[in-house]
Protein backbone atom coordinates (compact mmCIF):
# COMPACT_ATOMS: atom_id res chain seq x y z
CA MET A 1 134.74 115.82 80.36
CA ARG A 2 132.56 118.85 80.56
CA ASN A 3 130.73 117.83 77.58
CA VAL A 4 129.73 114.46 78.64
CA THR A 5 128.49 115.90 82.10
CA ILE A 6 126.28 118.29 80.39
CA LEU A 7 124.95 115.51 78.30
CA VAL A 8 124.40 113.16 81.00
CA ALA A 9 122.42 116.04 82.81
CA VAL A 10 120.34 116.69 79.46
CA VAL A 11 119.64 113.09 79.13
CA VAL A 12 118.47 112.98 83.10
CA VAL A 13 116.21 115.97 82.90
CA VAL A 14 114.69 114.66 79.43
CA VAL A 15 113.91 111.10 81.14
CA LEU A 16 112.35 112.90 83.99
CA LEU A 17 110.10 115.11 82.08
CA LEU A 18 108.94 112.32 79.84
CA THR A 19 108.19 110.14 82.60
CA GLY A 20 106.34 112.59 84.53
CA CYS A 21 104.13 114.07 81.78
CA GLY A 22 101.90 111.24 80.80
CA VAL A 23 103.93 109.63 78.16
CA ASP A 24 101.50 106.74 78.31
CA GLY A 25 98.63 108.95 77.46
CA ALA A 26 96.31 111.03 79.23
CA PRO A 27 95.24 110.24 82.57
CA GLN A 28 91.90 108.43 82.95
CA ARG A 29 89.47 108.06 86.12
CA PRO A 30 88.89 104.91 87.54
CA VAL A 31 85.93 103.20 86.60
CA GLU A 32 83.41 103.17 89.22
CA LYS A 33 81.35 100.10 89.96
CA PRO A 34 77.68 99.85 90.23
CA LEU A 35 76.55 100.58 94.14
CA GLN A 36 75.36 96.74 94.55
CA GLN A 37 78.98 95.46 93.87
CA GLN A 38 80.58 98.18 96.07
CA MET A 39 78.70 96.99 99.55
CA GLY A 40 79.49 94.57 101.69
CA VAL A 41 83.04 92.76 103.23
CA THR A 42 86.08 91.93 101.34
CA LEU A 43 88.73 90.03 102.39
CA SER A 44 91.89 88.98 100.47
CA GLY A 45 95.29 87.76 101.41
CA ASP A 46 96.60 84.60 103.02
CA ALA A 47 97.01 83.13 106.38
CA ARG A 48 98.97 81.07 107.80
CA ILE A 49 98.37 78.50 111.15
CA GLY A 50 101.17 76.35 112.37
CA VAL A 51 103.53 75.37 115.09
CA SER A 52 107.05 76.33 115.53
CA ALA A 53 109.25 74.44 117.83
CA GLN A 54 113.07 74.24 118.29
CA LEU A 55 114.40 70.76 119.39
């Protein structure tokens, strides 16, 4: 039972290290958009208009 606990602890530590160290590659900066595309107002999402009544 003690060996299983140690094995589980080692696996958890290894998984945490691999997820935190950039396994998918080195970090990259986001690509900056040209200044002309950054200006202005952007709206996104959805809107719902309606009537709710209980009869």
